[in-house]
Amino acid sequence: MSFTIPSPAAGTTSPTAPPAVQPATSADAVSAPESPAPAQPRTYQVRTFGCQMNVHDSERMAGMLEAAGYVPSAGELADVVVFNTCAVRENADNKLYGNLGILAPVKAANPGMQIAVGGCLAQKDRETILTKAPWVDAVFGTHNVGALPALLDRARHNNEAQLEILESLDVFPSTLPTKRDSVYSGWVSISVGCNNTCTFCIVPALRGKEKDRRPGEILAEIQALVDDGAIEVTLLGQNVNSYGVEFGDRQAFSKLLRACGDIPGLERVRFTSPHPAAFTDDVIDAMAETPNVMPQLHMPLQSGSDKVLKDMKRSYRSTKFLGILDKVREKIPHAAISTDIIVGFPGETEEDFQATLDVVEKSRFATAFTFQYSKRPGTPAADLPDQLPKAVVQERFERLTALQDRIAAEENARQLGRRVEVMVTAQSGRKAGETHRLSGRSQDQRLVHFSVPAGAEVPRPGDLVTVTITEAAAFHLVSDPASAEDYSLRRSRAGDAWDRSQADSCGAGPAGKISPAGRTNAQGTSGVSLGMPSLPVRGR
């Protein structure tokens, strides 16, 4: 027999003693249906392929979705999967369509699931994406990231795919809600777009002409990040050091760097990526004279051959490039310099390639992102004669990486015995479970894996430790302090912010601790997965 307990009438007070339980009739049971369960919020995941600009755009996509009521996927199948794409290299196309193909049967088995594609490849391919993958629900470009929630709603309501590509910005992206991937550091866009005409690059066609933010807006965003606990920011721009071109101030970027030095609590300032042709002495002076601007510089070389640089329409030559590095090292002796290099550009001869090897040898890069030339339809270089055979490009690529690996190992070996300050990150190395080491970045951006001496306090992500380098490899440094006296921990506001973020997201593990395996749920709860280029990490 079933029973019901009548609720008190509206406006009355519940009695202190429960009412007598009365047997329910069959009519009572029929006329009193159960209240429907509350609808569960839809979950999302953003998958990112590409550069730091894409990563920061993904944070905005996540912010827009959460402002619209979506919640991050906690590892289960997400209701909405968003691909934020890159179009710089051919394998970006393959990666996107491969992932879409994998999701096709998954979506067929889950009819409520939605898939969206945004970013540079969406701006370029447009209708092609829906032709190749008709199960995609929404396609949006680089200029209308803010339209994502509305496009998903329309696709669901109309039961048909939505395509919206704008040719220019409808709103500056930094005004959109942003779900930061990290509480201890953050990206800050100072400009979008590019005014250069490099023959290999499709970015200007996809992101448009350079648009600069006003300095006050940038500094206000940095201050807000610092107020939330961040102690590190990275200034972003397609050609970050040409900042100010839109409002006619050639020294705007160096002024911005110096202004960052006046923000209390901001301990580390980085920027990427500058263009050698626009890199001026006032920027070098600002780097050297502003204490929180880190001794690290990413300076894209692309080629060491003046002929190839001319064919690329890169408006500098190898002598100018090397001169910049000399000036930086004169003012900042411990600066670590990284670069981008393209191998196998159309018409590159063995003599041209040897010139690249010569410049790399002289430059002594700490790290280098090396790429085999990728023919991109729509770029002038795609139509150049003398496209090189794959075998030739591969062989040169292997020679270049072997040279750079040697140089990187030699440069890292020079760090042995140095005391370095490391900002602890939430991610650790692949072998952290075996080595029990945590990881972080030194001031010059080198990756450092370190162990915590017995009895010493374990740092949180965002905290800073000072350790002595005891081992060096091509892609990382190691510190295994012999005793607690050789290990110094400085708890930071960023570490406090990490604790708060973990409490807010019910993060696993006790506050103030991270697992030596380093696999926290920092990204799992953000709904954003990163696909940035990374250097291979070899044995620890």
Protein backbone atom coordinates (compact mmCIF):
# COMPACT_ATOMS: atom_id res chain seq x y z
CA MET A 1 0.00 0.00 0.00
CA SER A 2 1.36 3.47 -0.82
CA PHE A 3 1.12 6.50 1.42
CA THR A 4 1.33 10.28 0.86
CA ILE A 5 2.29 12.95 3.36
CA PRO A 6 0.28 16.12 2.70
CA SER A 7 2.27 19.35 2.56
CA PRO A 8 1.23 22.35 4.66
CA ALA A 9 -1.01 24.83 2.84
CA ALA A 10 0.64 27.88 1.35
CA GLY A 11 1.02 30.65 3.89
CA THR A 12 0.79 28.34 6.91
CA THR A 13 3.49 27.21 9.30
CA SER A 14 4.54 23.60 9.39
CA PRO A 15 3.46 21.92 12.66
CA THR A 16 6.19 20.81 14.98
CA ALA A 17 4.78 17.28 14.94
CA PRO A 18 4.27 15.50 11.62
CA PRO A 19 0.65 15.00 10.59
CA ALA A 20 -0.90 11.58 10.83
CA VAL A 21 -0.11 9.37 7.88
CA GLN A 22 -3.25 8.56 5.89
CA PRO A 23 -3.59 5.73 3.45
CA ALA A 24 -3.70 7.02 -0.12
CA THR A 25 -6.43 6.02 -2.52
CA SER A 26 -5.71 5.07 -6.08
CA ALA A 27 -7.24 8.39 -7.15
CA ASP A 28 -4.81 10.25 -4.89
CA ALA A 29 -1.88 8.47 -6.47
CA VAL A 30 -3.00 9.34 -9.99
CA SER A 31 -3.75 13.00 -9.24
CA ALA A 32 -0.42 13.73 -7.51
CA PRO A 33 2.33 13.22 -10.09
CA GLU A 34 5.94 13.61 -9.06
CA SER A 35 7.64 16.96 -9.81
CA PRO A 36 9.89 16.73 -12.85
CA ALA A 37 13.62 16.61 -12.12
CA PRO A 38 15.38 19.92 -12.78
CA ALA A 39 17.05 20.10 -16.20
CA GLN A 40 20.79 19.47 -16.08
CA PRO A 41 22.97 22.22 -17.59
CA ARG A 42 24.60 21.33 -20.88
CA THR A 43 28.31 20.55 -20.75
CA TYR A 44 31.03 21.76 -23.11
CA GLN A 45 34.62 21.14 -24.12
CA VAL A 46 36.82 23.41 -26.23
CA ARG A 47 39.65 21.73 -28.13
CA THR A 48 42.39 24.11 -29.27
CA PHE A 49 44.84 23.77 -32.15
CA GLY A 50 47.33 26.52 -32.89
CA CYS A 51 49.16 29.44 -31.37
CA GLN A 52 48.80 31.42 -28.17
CA MET A 53 46.23 33.66 -29.86
CA ASN A 54 44.07 30.58 -30.41
CA VAL A 55 44.53 29.51 -26.81
CA HIS A 56 43.39 32.90 -25.56
CA ASP A 57 40.43 32.83 -27.97
CA SER A 58 39.48 29.46 -26.48
CA GLU A 59 39.38 31.05 -23.04
CA ARG A 60 36.88 33.54 -24.46
CA MET A 61 34.81 30.76 -26.02
CA ALA A 62 34.69 29.03 -22.65
CA GLY A 63 33.72 32.30 -20.98
CA MET A 64 30.90 32.89 -23.48
CA LEU A 65 29.55 29.38 -23.01
CA GLU A 66 29.61 29.59 -19.23
CA ALA A 67 27.92 32.99 -19.34
CA ALA A 68 25.19 31.27 -21.40
CA GLY A 69 24.73 28.57 -18.73
CA TYR A 70 26.96 25.77 -19.99
CA VAL A 71 29.31 23.99 -17.58
CA PRO A 72 32.70 22.38 -18.28
CA SER A 73 32.75 18.71 -19.10
CA ALA A 74 34.27 16.71 -16.26
CA GLY A 75 35.64 14.02 -18.54
CA GLU A 76 32.41 12.46 -19.72
CA LEU A 77 31.10 13.03 -23.23
CA ALA A 78 30.36 16.73 -23.56
CA ASP A 79 27.04 17.98 -24.94
CA VAL A 80 28.94 20.58 -26.98
CA VAL A 81 32.41 20.12 -28.46
CA VAL A 82 34.04 23.23 -29.93
CA PHE A 83 37.12 23.04 -32.16
CA ASN A 84 39.20 26.23 -32.22
CA THR A 85 41.37 25.79 -35.27
CA CYS A 86 44.62 26.94 -36.83
CA ALA A 87 45.20 27.31 -40.58
CA VAL A 88 48.92 28.05 -40.69
CA ARG A 89 49.96 24.51 -41.59
CA GLU A 90 48.44 21.73 -43.69
CA ASN A 91 48.37 19.27 -40.81
CA ALA A 92 45.88 21.59 -39.08
CA ASP A 93 43.31 20.64 -41.75
CA ASN A 94 44.09 16.96 -41.32
CA LYS A 95 43.85 17.21 -37.54
CA LEU A 96 40.46 18.93 -37.64
CA TYR A 97 38.82 16.64 -40.17
CA GLY A 98 40.30 13.59 -38.48
CA ASN A 99 38.77 14.66 -35.16
CA LEU A 100 35.44 15.46 -36.80
CA GLY A 101 35.43 12.01 -38.39
CA ILE A 102 36.01 10.36 -35.02
CA LEU A 103 33.09 12.29 -33.53
CA ALA A 104 30.62 11.49 -36.34
CA PRO A 105 29.49 8.09 -34.95
CA VAL A 106 29.62 9.48 -31.41
CA LYS A 107 27.17 12.22 -32.34
CA ALA A 108 24.97 9.77 -34.27
CA ALA A 109 24.62 7.78 -31.06
CA ASN A 110 23.93 10.94 -29.03
CA PRO A 111 21.45 13.06 -31.00
CA GLY A 112 21.51 15.98 -28.53
CA MET A 113 25.25 16.48 -28.97
CA GLN A 114 26.46 19.55 -30.88
CA ILE A 115 29.76 20.24 -32.65
CA ALA A 116 31.06 23.71 -33.50
CA VAL A 117 34.15 24.77 -35.48
CA GLY A 118 35.75 28.21 -35.07
CA GLY A 119 39.10 29.91 -35.53
CA CYS A 120 41.37 30.46 -38.51
CA LEU A 121 40.53 27.29 -40.45
CA ALA A 122 36.82 28.06 -40.10
CA GLN A 123 37.46 31.58 -41.41
CA LYS A 124 39.28 30.05 -44.40
CA ASP A 125 37.25 26.95 -45.24
CA ARG A 126 33.75 28.21 -44.37
CA GLU A 127 31.17 26.13 -46.29
CA THR A 128 33.82 23.47 -46.99
CA ILE A 129 33.61 22.33 -43.38
CA LEU A 130 29.87 21.68 -43.66
CA THR A 131 30.39 19.94 -46.98
CA LYS A 132 33.08 17.62 -45.60
CA ALA A 133 31.43 17.17 -42.20
CA PRO A 134 27.67 17.81 -42.49
CA TRP A 135 27.19 16.68 -38.89
CA VAL A 136 28.78 19.92 -37.66
CA ASP A 137 26.21 22.27 -36.12
CA ALA A 138 27.94 25.66 -36.19
CA VAL A 139 30.84 27.29 -38.03
CA PHE A 140 32.10 30.72 -36.96
CA GLY A 141 35.18 32.77 -37.77
CA THR A 142 37.94 34.70 -36.04
CA HIS A 143 35.94 37.94 -35.97
CA ASN A 144 32.76 36.73 -34.26
CA VAL A 145 33.78 34.50 -31.36
CA GLY A 146 30.98 36.07 -29.30
CA ALA A 147 28.34 34.58 -31.59
CA LEU A 148 29.05 30.99 -30.50
CA PRO A 149 26.22 30.51 -27.92
CA ALA A 150 23.62 32.08 -30.23
CA LEU A 151 24.71 29.91 -33.17
CA LEU A 152 24.38 26.78 -31.03
CA ASP A 153 20.91 27.86 -29.88
CA ARG A 154 19.77 28.56 -33.45
CA ALA A 155 21.17 25.27 -34.71
CA ARG A 156 19.26 23.40 -32.00
CA HIS A 157 16.04 25.36 -32.53
CA ASN A 158 16.08 25.20 -36.35
CA ASN A 159 17.58 21.71 -36.52
CA GLU A 160 20.08 22.84 -39.16
CA ALA A 161 23.69 23.90 -39.27
CA GLN A 162 24.56 27.57 -38.78
CA LEU A 163 27.39 29.35 -40.63
CA GLU A 164 28.44 32.87 -39.68
CA ILE A 165 31.72 34.36 -40.91
CA LEU A 166 32.40 38.08 -40.55
CA GLU A 167 35.06 39.90 -42.55
CA SER A 168 35.98 42.28 -39.74
CA LEU A 169 35.70 42.42 -35.95
CA ASP A 170 32.21 43.01 -34.58
CA VAL A 171 33.62 43.57 -31.09
CA PHE A 172 37.20 43.54 -29.75
CA PRO A 173 37.63 40.02 -28.34
CA SER A 174 38.97 41.17 -24.97
CA THR A 175 35.58 42.68 -24.11
CA LEU A 176 34.02 39.20 -24.12
CA PRO A 177 33.63 37.03 -21.00
CA THR A 178 36.76 34.94 -20.47
CA LYS A 179 37.23 31.66 -18.61
CA ARG A 180 40.94 31.75 -17.79
CA ASP A 181 42.78 28.47 -18.10
CA SER A 182 45.15 29.45 -15.29
CA VAL A 183 44.67 31.45 -12.11
CA TYR A 184 48.36 32.24 -11.66
CA SER A 185 49.14 33.54 -15.17
CA GLY A 186 47.14 34.94 -18.05
CA TRP A 187 47.21 36.02 -21.67
CA VAL A 188 46.39 39.65 -22.52
CA SER A 189 45.80 40.64 -26.15
CA ILE A 190 47.15 44.07 -26.99
CA SER A 191 46.33 43.84 -30.70
CA VAL A 192 44.76 41.53 -33.24
CA GLY A 193 45.48 41.16 -36.94
CA CYS A 194 48.62 41.79 -38.98
CA ASN A 195 49.76 44.40 -41.51
CA ASN A 196 52.65 42.33 -42.91
CA THR A 197 52.56 40.41 -46.18
CA CYS A 198 54.80 37.39 -45.57
CA THR A 199 54.36 35.17 -48.61
CA PHE A 200 54.04 31.94 -46.60
CA CYS A 201 51.47 33.23 -44.11
CA ILE A 202 47.70 33.17 -44.39
CA VAL A 203 47.06 34.88 -41.03
CA PRO A 204 46.50 38.44 -42.36
CA ALA A 205 43.76 37.13 -44.65
CA LEU A 206 42.07 35.38 -41.72
CA ARG A 207 42.53 37.86 -38.87
CA GLY A 208 42.55 41.10 -40.84
CA LYS A 209 44.57 44.29 -40.49
CA GLU A 210 46.12 45.15 -37.14
CA LYS A 211 43.76 46.64 -34.58
CA ASP A 212 45.33 48.04 -31.42
CA ARG A 213 43.70 48.37 -28.01
CA ARG A 214 44.12 51.57 -26.05
CA PRO A 215 46.84 51.34 -23.36
CA GLY A 216 44.37 52.11 -20.56
CA GLU A 217 42.18 49.15 -21.53
CA ILE A 218 45.16 46.81 -21.57
CA LEU A 219 46.48 47.97 -18.19
CA ALA A 220 42.98 47.70 -16.69
CA GLU A 221 42.72 44.08 -17.84
CA ILE A 222 46.17 43.31 -16.41
CA GLN A 223 45.19 44.94 -13.11
CA ALA A 224 42.01 42.84 -12.98
CA LEU A 225 44.07 39.68 -13.51
CA VAL A 226 46.45 40.68 -10.73
CA ASP A 227 43.52 41.48 -8.45
CA ASP A 228 42.28 37.92 -9.06
CA GLY A 229 45.65 36.48 -8.00
CA ALA A 230 47.71 36.25 -11.19
CA ILE A 231 51.38 37.18 -10.89
CA GLU A 232 52.35 36.62 -14.54
CA VAL A 233 50.96 37.97 -17.81
CA THR A 234 51.94 37.41 -21.42
CA LEU A 235 51.16 40.22 -23.85
CA LEU A 236 49.86 38.88 -27.17
CA GLY A 237 49.88 40.28 -30.67
CA GLN A 238 50.41 38.88 -34.14
CA ASN A 239 53.37 41.29 -34.30
CA VAL A 240 53.33 42.40 -30.72
CA ASN A 241 56.10 45.00 -30.99
CA SER A 242 54.34 46.88 -33.80
CA TYR A 243 51.71 47.84 -31.21
CA GLY A 244 50.77 51.50 -31.57
CA VAL A 245 50.83 51.62 -35.36
CA GLU A 246 47.09 52.25 -35.44
CA PHE A 247 47.29 55.35 -33.26
CA GLY A 248 50.67 56.54 -34.51
CA ASP A 249 53.00 55.98 -31.55
CA ARG A 250 56.16 54.11 -32.55
CA GLN A 251 57.25 53.71 -28.93
CA ALA A 252 53.88 52.55 -27.62
CA PHE A 253 55.09 49.01 -26.97
CA SER A 254 58.12 50.02 -24.90
CA LYS A 255 55.91 52.45 -22.96
CA LEU A 256 53.46 49.63 -22.31
CA LEU A 257 56.24 47.38 -20.98
CA ARG A 258 57.40 50.11 -18.62
CA ALA A 259 53.82 50.72 -17.46
CA CYS A 260 53.53 47.02 -16.59
CA GLY A 261 56.46 47.57 -14.24
CA ASP A 262 54.32 49.97 -12.19
CA ILE A 263 51.58 47.40 -11.41
CA PRO A 264 52.00 46.18 -7.81
CA GLY A 265 51.87 42.41 -7.47
CA LEU A 266 52.71 41.74 -11.13
CA GLU A 267 55.94 39.74 -10.93
CA ARG A 268 56.46 38.39 -14.44
CA VAL A 269 55.76 40.01 -17.81
CA ARG A 270 56.36 38.24 -21.12
CA PHE A 271 55.32 38.96 -24.71
CA THR A 272 55.00 37.13 -28.01
CA SER A 273 55.64 37.29 -30.88
CA PRO A 274 57.69 40.29 -32.05
CA HIS A 275 58.83 40.91 -35.62
CA PRO A 276 62.57 41.54 -36.15
CA ALA A 277 61.92 44.35 -38.64
CA ALA A 278 60.05 46.40 -36.03
CA PHE A 279 62.24 45.52 -33.03
CA THR A 280 63.75 48.78 -31.81
CA ASP A 281 66.31 49.77 -29.19
CA ASP A 282 63.69 51.40 -26.94
CA VAL A 283 62.07 47.97 -26.51
CA ILE A 284 65.41 46.42 -25.53
CA ASP A 285 65.96 49.24 -23.03
CA ALA A 286 62.47 48.76 -21.58
CA MET A 287 63.10 45.02 -21.19
CA ALA A 288 66.41 45.62 -19.43
CA GLU A 289 65.20 48.42 -17.17
CA THR A 290 61.78 47.05 -16.11
CA PRO A 291 62.38 44.50 -13.33
CA ASN A 292 59.28 42.39 -13.92
CA VAL A 293 59.88 42.01 -17.68
CA MET A 294 61.45 38.58 -17.87
CA PRO A 295 64.88 37.86 -19.45
CA GLN A 296 63.34 35.88 -22.28
CA LEU A 297 62.66 36.70 -25.92
CA HIS A 298 60.95 34.79 -28.72
CA MET A 299 62.32 36.20 -31.99
CA PRO A 300 61.19 34.43 -35.20
CA LEU A 301 64.06 33.95 -37.65
CA GLN A 302 62.20 31.87 -40.30
CA SER A 303 65.36 31.60 -42.44
CA GLY A 304 69.01 32.54 -42.23
CA SER A 305 69.28 33.06 -45.99
CA ASP A 306 68.86 36.66 -47.15
CA LYS A 307 67.57 35.41 -50.50
CA VAL A 308 64.90 33.29 -48.84
CA LEU A 309 63.98 36.11 -46.45
CA LYS A 310 63.47 38.34 -49.49
CA ASP A 311 61.29 35.67 -51.15
CA MET A 312 59.33 35.40 -47.90
CA LYS A 313 58.90 39.21 -47.89
CA ARG A 314 60.43 39.34 -44.42
CA SER A 315 61.71 42.92 -44.24
CA TYR A 316 64.99 42.22 -42.42
CA ARG A 317 68.15 40.31 -43.22
CA SER A 318 70.33 37.95 -41.20
CA THR A 319 72.80 40.68 -40.18
CA LYS A 320 70.01 42.76 -38.64
CA PHE A 321 68.61 39.70 -36.88
CA LEU A 322 71.95 38.79 -35.31
CA GLY A 323 72.51 42.43 -34.37
CA ILE A 324 69.26 42.44 -32.38
CA LEU A 325 70.37 39.36 -30.46
CA ASP A 326 73.73 40.98 -29.71
CA LYS A 327 72.04 44.11 -28.33
CA VAL A 328 69.64 42.06 -26.20
CA ARG A 329 72.46 40.00 -24.73
CA GLU A 330 74.56 43.08 -24.09
CA LYS A 331 71.76 44.61 -22.00
CA ILE A 332 70.35 41.32 -20.62
CA PRO A 333 73.25 38.85 -20.38
CA HIS A 334 71.20 35.90 -19.12
CA ALA A 335 68.38 36.28 -21.67
CA ALA A 336 67.11 33.03 -23.18
CA ILE A 337 66.15 33.49 -26.82
CA SER A 338 63.86 31.18 -28.79
CA THR A 339 62.78 31.28 -32.42
CA ASP A 340 60.70 29.89 -35.30
CA ILE A 341 62.36 28.46 -38.43
CA ILE A 342 60.84 27.22 -41.67
CA VAL A 343 62.76 24.58 -43.66
CA GLY A 344 62.22 23.93 -47.34
CA PHE A 345 60.70 27.21 -48.52
CA PRO A 346 60.21 27.16 -52.32
CA GLY A 347 63.49 27.78 -54.11
CA GLU A 348 65.64 27.16 -51.01
CA THR A 349 69.00 25.84 -52.19
CA GLU A 350 71.54 23.88 -50.20
CA GLU A 351 73.53 27.12 -49.94
CA ASP A 352 70.44 28.89 -48.53
CA PHE A 353 69.91 26.12 -46.02
CA GLN A 354 73.55 26.25 -44.94
CA ALA A 355 73.07 29.97 -44.27
CA THR A 356 70.25 29.05 -41.90
CA LEU A 357 72.48 26.55 -40.12
CA ASP A 358 75.17 29.23 -39.80
CA VAL A 359 72.77 31.76 -38.25
CA VAL A 360 71.41 29.12 -35.84
CA GLU A 361 74.95 28.29 -34.76
CA LYS A 362 75.68 31.97 -34.10
CA SER A 363 72.34 32.69 -32.42
CA ARG A 364 72.64 30.02 -29.70
CA PHE A 365 68.88 29.67 -29.29
CA ALA A 366 67.65 28.15 -26.03
CA THR A 367 64.79 26.55 -27.96
CA ALA A 368 63.49 26.60 -31.53
CA PHE A 369 60.17 25.69 -33.10
CA THR A 370 61.17 24.20 -36.45
CA PHE A 371 58.67 23.58 -39.24
CA GLN A 372 58.76 22.01 -42.66
CA TYR A 373 57.32 24.43 -45.20
CA SER A 374 53.62 23.79 -45.70
CA LYS A 375 51.99 24.93 -48.92
CA ARG A 376 48.87 26.91 -48.03
CA PRO A 377 46.39 27.69 -50.81
CA GLY A 378 45.72 31.42 -50.95
CA THR A 379 49.28 32.46 -50.06
CA PRO A 380 51.73 33.86 -52.65
CA ALA A 381 54.32 31.20 -51.75
CA ALA A 382 51.92 28.45 -52.83
CA ASP A 383 52.33 29.63 -56.43
CA LEU A 384 56.11 30.04 -56.39
CA PRO A 385 58.19 27.78 -58.66
CA ASP A 386 60.71 25.29 -57.31
CA GLN A 387 58.55 23.67 -54.64
CA LEU A 388 60.97 21.27 -52.98
CA PRO A 389 60.53 17.47 -52.84
CA LYS A 390 59.40 16.13 -49.49
CA ALA A 391 62.54 13.99 -49.13
CA VAL A 392 64.81 17.03 -49.48
CA VAL A 393 62.82 19.03 -46.94
CA GLN A 394 62.78 16.12 -44.49
CA GLU A 395 66.55 15.60 -44.70
CA ARG A 396 67.24 19.29 -44.09
CA PHE A 397 64.74 19.38 -41.26
CA GLU A 398 66.54 16.52 -39.52
CA ARG A 399 69.89 18.27 -39.87
CA LEU A 400 68.50 21.47 -38.45
CA THR A 401 66.83 19.81 -35.45
CA ALA A 402 69.99 17.84 -34.69
CA LEU A 403 72.00 21.07 -34.67
CA GLN A 404 69.48 22.91 -32.49
CA ASP A 405 69.18 19.98 -30.07
CA ARG A 406 72.96 20.09 -29.59
CA ILE A 407 72.96 23.84 -29.03
CA ALA A 408 70.02 23.66 -26.62
CA ALA A 409 71.79 20.95 -24.61
CA GLU A 410 74.97 23.04 -24.49
CA GLU A 411 73.10 26.18 -23.45
CA ASN A 412 71.22 24.28 -20.75
CA ALA A 413 74.48 22.78 -19.50
CA ARG A 414 75.63 26.33 -18.80
CA GLN A 415 72.82 26.57 -16.25
CA LEU A 416 74.34 23.88 -14.01
CA GLY A 417 74.98 25.24 -10.53
CA ARG A 418 72.83 28.34 -11.06
CA ARG A 419 70.22 29.35 -8.50
CA VAL A 420 66.94 29.95 -10.31
CA GLU A 421 63.50 31.07 -9.22
CA VAL A 422 60.80 28.76 -10.56
CA MET A 423 57.08 29.49 -10.72
CA VAL A 424 55.35 26.17 -10.04
CA THR A 425 52.81 25.05 -12.64
CA ALA A 426 49.91 22.63 -12.36
CA GLN A 427 51.43 20.29 -14.93
CA SER A 428 54.43 18.05 -14.32
CA GLY A 429 56.49 15.83 -16.59
CA ARG A 430 55.52 12.44 -18.00
CA LYS A 431 57.80 10.66 -15.55
CA ALA A 432 56.77 12.65 -12.49
CA GLY A 433 55.10 9.61 -11.00
CA GLU A 434 58.46 7.84 -10.98
CA THR A 435 60.71 10.78 -10.13
CA HIS A 436 58.31 12.51 -7.68
CA ARG A 437 59.32 15.85 -9.16
CA LEU A 438 57.14 18.89 -9.65
CA SER A 439 57.60 21.33 -12.53
CA GLY A 440 57.68 25.01 -13.27
CA ARG A 441 59.21 27.76 -15.38
CA SER A 442 62.26 29.79 -14.51
CA GLN A 443 62.35 33.52 -15.14
CA ASP A 444 63.91 32.90 -18.57
CA GLN A 445 61.08 30.44 -19.37
CA ARG A 446 63.18 27.29 -19.16
CA LEU A 447 61.30 24.21 -18.00
CA VAL A 448 62.57 23.00 -14.61
CA HIS A 449 61.64 19.72 -12.93
CA PHE A 450 62.47 19.79 -9.23
CA SER A 451 62.10 17.61 -6.17
CA VAL A 452 61.03 18.77 -2.72
CA PRO A 453 63.49 17.75 0.02
CA ALA A 454 62.16 15.56 2.82
CA GLY A 455 60.50 17.66 5.48
CA ALA A 456 60.20 20.76 3.27
CA GLU A 457 56.85 22.34 2.48
CA VAL A 458 55.27 21.34 -0.84
CA PRO A 459 54.44 24.30 -3.08
CA ARG A 460 51.14 25.02 -4.78
CA PRO A 461 50.80 25.99 -8.45
CA GLY A 462 51.58 29.69 -8.53
CA ASP A 463 54.04 29.55 -5.64
CA LEU A 464 57.73 30.25 -6.29
CA VAL A 465 60.67 28.08 -5.33
CA THR A 466 64.35 28.91 -5.58
CA VAL A 467 66.58 25.92 -6.33
CA THR A 468 70.00 25.06 -7.75
CA ILE A 469 70.17 23.35 -11.14
CA THR A 470 71.76 19.92 -10.75
CA GLU A 471 71.13 18.31 -14.15
CA ALA A 472 70.56 19.56 -17.71
CA ALA A 473 69.14 18.10 -20.90
CA ALA A 474 68.21 19.62 -24.25
CA PHE A 475 64.60 20.33 -23.35
CA HIS A 476 64.55 20.74 -19.58
CA LEU A 477 66.55 21.33 -16.42
CA VAL A 478 66.47 19.35 -13.19
CA SER A 479 66.99 20.34 -9.57
CA ASP A 480 67.28 17.75 -6.83
CA PRO A 481 68.18 19.75 -3.71
CA ALA A 482 70.50 17.83 -1.40
CA SER A 483 68.82 19.27 1.68
CA ALA A 484 66.09 21.65 2.80
CA GLU A 485 68.74 24.39 3.07
CA ASP A 486 69.13 24.30 -0.73
CA TYR A 487 65.40 24.76 -1.29
CA SER A 488 63.50 27.98 -0.70
CA LEU A 489 59.72 28.34 -1.01
CA ARG A 490 57.86 31.63 -1.35
CA ARG A 491 54.12 31.23 -1.01
CA SER A 492 52.36 33.69 -3.28
CA ARG A 493 49.03 35.36 -3.92
CA ALA A 494 48.85 33.18 -7.02
CA GLY A 495 49.12 30.05 -4.86
CA ASP A 496 46.32 31.42 -2.69
CA ALA A 497 44.24 31.94 -5.84
CA TRP A 498 44.95 28.34 -6.82
CA ASP A 499 43.63 27.14 -3.46
CA ARG A 500 40.47 29.18 -3.94
CA SER A 501 39.95 27.85 -7.46
CA GLN A 502 40.30 24.28 -6.26
CA ALA A 503 37.83 24.87 -3.44
CA ASP A 504 35.37 26.46 -5.88
CA SER A 505 35.62 23.52 -8.27
CA CYS A 506 35.79 20.88 -5.53
CA GLY A 507 39.32 20.10 -6.66
CA ALA A 508 40.72 16.80 -5.51
CA GLY A 509 43.44 16.68 -2.90
CA PRO A 510 44.09 18.75 0.21
CA ALA A 511 44.48 22.47 -0.15
CA GLY A 512 48.04 23.59 -0.70
CA LYS A 513 49.20 20.29 -2.20
CA ILE A 514 49.69 18.99 -5.71
CA SER A 515 50.36 15.45 -6.66
CA PRO A 516 53.94 14.63 -7.72
CA ALA A 517 52.31 13.14 -10.80
CA GLY A 518 51.18 16.67 -11.54
CA ARG A 519 47.95 15.66 -13.24
CA THR A 520 45.63 18.07 -11.49
CA ASN A 521 42.17 18.83 -12.74
CA ALA A 522 43.08 22.38 -13.69
CA GLN A 523 42.32 21.78 -17.33
CA GLY A 524 39.74 19.11 -16.76
CA THR A 525 37.48 21.58 -15.00
CA SER A 526 38.13 24.41 -17.41
CA GLY A 527 36.55 22.67 -20.37
CA VAL A 528 39.48 23.79 -22.51
CA SER A 529 42.10 21.42 -23.87
CA LEU A 530 45.22 22.85 -25.46
CA GLY A 531 46.89 21.84 -28.69
CA MET A 532 49.74 24.34 -28.79
CA PRO A 533 53.03 23.33 -30.38
CA SER A 534 55.34 21.99 -27.72
CA LEU A 535 58.90 20.84 -27.54
CA PRO A 536 59.41 17.12 -27.07
CA VAL A 537 60.16 16.21 -23.48
CA ARG A 538 62.63 13.38 -23.28
CA GLY A 539 63.83 11.25 -20.40
CA ARG A 540 63.99 12.91 -17.00
